[in-house]
Amino acid sequence: MASVIHAAFVRRLFKRFMVKPNAPVALCLLEDVTPALLDLRHRLLRKGQPPESASYPDVDPLPTTKHLGAFAAERLVGCATMQADPSSTGNPTCRLRIRGMAVDPAWQGQGIGTRMVQQLQQWARKENSGIWCNARILAVPMYARCGFEITSEEFDMPLIGPHYNMEWNDAS
């Protein structure tokens, strides 16, 4: 009997507190870097590295840096940071950089990353700037769908893996 009660209790808790994939996702500008954002960055982008590797202390606190969160209910399921940083390729029109972009694996494939990039592109348009990023190989197709182009040979970021530099410039 106790195991039946326990199982029912666990099911109620799961239904109450777990947000299901495919639930509505809202994008929000974050006032600051949150523990949830750092946790998501660390779990997805810095596996095997110390937790502090998910923080960008020279970038995160700057007033020119924007942090975008994708929320399902109150749960952070995606994040991205856009900072002022001239393009590493020397393109003077790309003065903004995306970094720390991650979508929880349970929520990938639903367009959340694309929506986040589109929001960052809207902000870049207001600044009359293009955007550049170091894109992981698996993220290249998503960035390409958003109009980014590869501008480098493949390169390896130590402890992280293969990347390409990509850039986006609004043609309008």
Protein backbone atom coordinates (compact mmCIF):
# COMPACT_ATOMS: atom_id res chain seq x y z
CA MET A 1 0.00 0.00 0.00
CA ALA A 2 2.78 2.43 0.86
CA SER A 3 4.40 2.02 -2.55
CA VAL A 4 1.07 2.76 -4.27
CA ILE A 5 0.63 5.95 -2.25
CA HIS A 6 4.23 6.89 -2.91
CA ALA A 7 3.88 6.36 -6.67
CA ALA A 8 0.70 8.45 -6.78
CA PHE A 9 2.39 11.21 -4.80
CA VAL A 10 5.35 11.24 -7.16
CA ARG A 11 3.03 11.44 -10.21
CA ARG A 12 1.17 14.43 -8.67
CA LEU A 13 4.45 16.19 -7.95
CA PHE A 14 5.70 15.51 -11.47
CA LYS A 15 2.53 16.88 -13.05
CA ARG A 16 2.56 19.94 -10.82
CA PHE A 17 6.20 21.00 -11.09
CA MET A 18 7.49 19.70 -14.40
CA VAL A 19 6.94 21.90 -17.41
CA LYS A 20 6.38 19.77 -20.45
CA PRO A 21 8.26 20.33 -23.71
CA ASN A 22 6.06 22.06 -26.30
CA ALA A 23 4.61 24.34 -23.62
CA PRO A 24 4.53 28.04 -24.57
CA VAL A 25 7.95 29.68 -24.30
CA ALA A 26 8.40 33.39 -23.60
CA LEU A 27 11.57 35.35 -24.33
CA CYS A 28 12.60 37.86 -21.67
CA LEU A 29 15.43 40.31 -21.28
CA LEU A 30 17.18 39.44 -18.02
CA GLU A 31 18.27 42.21 -15.68
CA ASP A 32 21.37 40.27 -14.69
CA VAL A 33 23.04 36.88 -14.96
CA THR A 34 21.06 34.45 -12.82
CA PRO A 35 22.13 31.19 -11.19
CA ALA A 36 19.78 29.37 -13.58
CA LEU A 37 21.48 30.97 -16.59
CA LEU A 38 24.93 30.02 -15.30
CA ASP A 39 23.72 26.48 -14.61
CA LEU A 40 22.32 26.12 -18.15
CA ARG A 41 25.51 27.51 -19.69
CA HIS A 42 27.62 25.17 -17.59
CA ARG A 43 25.58 22.02 -18.25
CA LEU A 44 25.41 22.56 -22.01
CA LEU A 45 28.48 24.58 -22.94
CA ARG A 46 31.15 23.79 -20.34
CA LYS A 47 30.73 20.10 -19.52
CA GLY A 48 33.66 18.75 -17.54
CA GLN A 49 34.91 22.23 -16.68
CA PRO A 50 34.57 24.03 -13.35
CA PRO A 51 31.23 25.82 -12.83
CA GLU A 52 32.91 29.25 -12.84
CA SER A 53 33.87 28.65 -16.50
CA ALA A 54 30.23 29.45 -17.39
CA SER A 55 30.65 33.03 -16.17
CA TYR A 56 32.13 35.78 -18.35
CA PRO A 57 33.32 38.20 -15.64
CA ASP A 58 34.65 40.78 -18.12
CA VAL A 59 31.40 40.76 -20.12
CA ASP A 60 28.37 39.64 -18.08
CA PRO A 61 28.10 42.68 -15.76
CA LEU A 62 28.63 45.36 -18.42
CA PRO A 63 25.66 47.68 -19.06
CA THR A 64 26.09 47.14 -22.82
CA THR A 65 25.69 43.36 -22.44
CA LYS A 66 22.21 41.88 -22.91
CA HIS A 67 21.10 38.53 -21.51
CA LEU A 68 18.10 36.83 -23.08
CA GLY A 69 16.17 34.05 -21.38
CA ALA A 70 13.64 31.64 -22.85
CA PHE A 71 11.14 30.62 -20.19
CA ALA A 72 8.53 27.87 -20.08
CA ALA A 73 6.38 28.90 -17.14
CA GLU A 74 9.09 30.04 -14.71
CA ARG A 75 11.72 27.56 -15.86
CA LEU A 76 14.70 28.82 -17.88
CA VAL A 77 14.99 26.55 -20.94
CA GLY A 78 17.23 28.73 -23.12
CA CYS A 79 19.70 31.57 -22.80
CA ALA A 80 21.92 33.79 -24.92
CA THR A 81 24.22 36.72 -24.25
CA MET A 82 24.95 39.54 -26.69
CA GLN A 83 27.94 41.76 -26.03
CA ALA A 84 29.66 44.67 -27.71
CA ASP A 85 32.72 43.11 -29.35
CA PRO A 86 34.17 43.97 -32.77
CA SER A 87 34.29 41.03 -35.17
CA SER A 88 37.38 38.86 -34.96
CA THR A 89 37.41 38.83 -38.78
CA GLY A 90 37.86 42.59 -38.89
CA ASN A 91 34.38 43.28 -40.33
CA PRO A 92 33.61 46.79 -39.01
CA THR A 93 29.84 46.31 -39.40
CA CYS A 94 29.69 43.44 -36.89
CA ARG A 95 30.11 45.15 -33.55
CA LEU A 96 27.97 42.74 -31.51
CA ARG A 97 28.69 39.15 -30.55
CA ILE A 98 26.45 36.28 -29.45
CA ARG A 99 27.92 33.94 -26.88
CA GLY A 100 26.74 31.59 -24.18
CA MET A 101 23.76 30.48 -26.25
CA ALA A 102 22.14 27.28 -25.04
CA VAL A 103 18.78 25.50 -25.18
CA ASP A 104 17.97 22.69 -22.76
CA PRO A 105 18.16 19.39 -24.72
CA ALA A 106 14.55 18.51 -23.81
CA TRP A 107 13.47 21.73 -25.53
CA GLN A 108 15.69 21.64 -28.61
CA GLY A 109 14.16 21.29 -32.06
CA GLN A 110 11.22 23.56 -31.26
CA GLY A 111 12.58 26.80 -32.71
CA ILE A 112 13.59 28.34 -29.38
CA GLY A 113 17.18 28.98 -30.50
CA THR A 114 15.94 30.52 -33.75
CA ARG A 115 13.54 32.78 -31.85
CA MET A 116 16.33 33.89 -29.52
CA VAL A 117 18.64 34.72 -32.45
CA GLN A 118 15.81 36.64 -34.17
CA GLN A 119 15.30 38.68 -31.00
CA LEU A 120 19.03 39.42 -30.82
CA GLN A 121 18.91 40.46 -34.50
CA GLN A 122 16.11 42.93 -33.69
CA TRP A 123 18.27 44.46 -30.96
CA ALA A 124 21.26 44.61 -33.34
CA ARG A 125 19.15 46.42 -35.98
CA LYS A 126 18.38 49.13 -33.41
CA GLU A 127 22.15 49.51 -32.91
CA ASN A 128 22.78 49.50 -36.71
CA SER A 129 25.15 46.59 -36.22
CA GLY A 130 25.72 43.15 -37.55
CA ILE A 131 26.39 40.19 -35.27
CA TRP A 132 29.16 37.62 -35.16
CA CYS A 133 29.62 34.45 -33.16
CA ASN A 134 31.79 31.40 -32.70
CA ALA A 135 29.28 28.71 -33.70
CA ARG A 136 29.58 25.11 -32.62
CA ILE A 137 29.34 22.74 -35.57
CA LEU A 138 25.90 21.49 -34.47
CA ALA A 139 24.57 25.08 -34.29
CA VAL A 140 25.72 26.14 -37.77
CA PRO A 141 22.44 25.12 -39.53
CA MET A 142 20.34 27.12 -37.05
CA TYR A 143 22.48 30.22 -37.49
CA ALA A 144 22.40 29.76 -41.29
CA ARG A 145 18.57 29.66 -41.19
CA CYS A 146 18.78 33.06 -39.44
CA GLY A 147 20.92 34.52 -42.23
CA PHE A 148 24.39 34.02 -40.73
CA GLU A 149 27.26 33.07 -43.03
CA ILE A 150 30.42 31.14 -42.22
CA THR A 151 33.42 33.47 -42.35
CA SER A 152 36.27 31.19 -41.26
CA GLU A 153 37.74 27.77 -41.59
CA GLU A 154 36.76 25.28 -38.94
CA PHE A 155 38.77 25.78 -35.74
CA ASP A 156 38.97 24.03 -32.40
CA MET A 157 38.28 25.77 -29.12
CA PRO A 158 40.21 23.89 -26.43
CA LEU A 159 37.99 21.96 -23.99
CA ILE A 160 34.91 22.89 -26.05
CA GLY A 161 35.26 21.55 -29.59
CA PRO A 162 35.07 22.53 -33.27
CA HIS A 163 33.59 25.88 -34.30
CA TYR A 164 33.20 28.29 -37.20
CA ASN A 165 33.09 32.07 -37.06
CA MET A 166 29.75 33.23 -38.46
CA GLU A 167 28.42 36.71 -39.22
CA TRP A 168 25.06 38.29 -39.90
CA ASN A 169 24.45 41.71 -41.42
CA ASP A 170 20.99 43.07 -42.03
CA ALA A 171 20.68 43.85 -45.75
CA SER A 172 17.72 46.20 -45.25
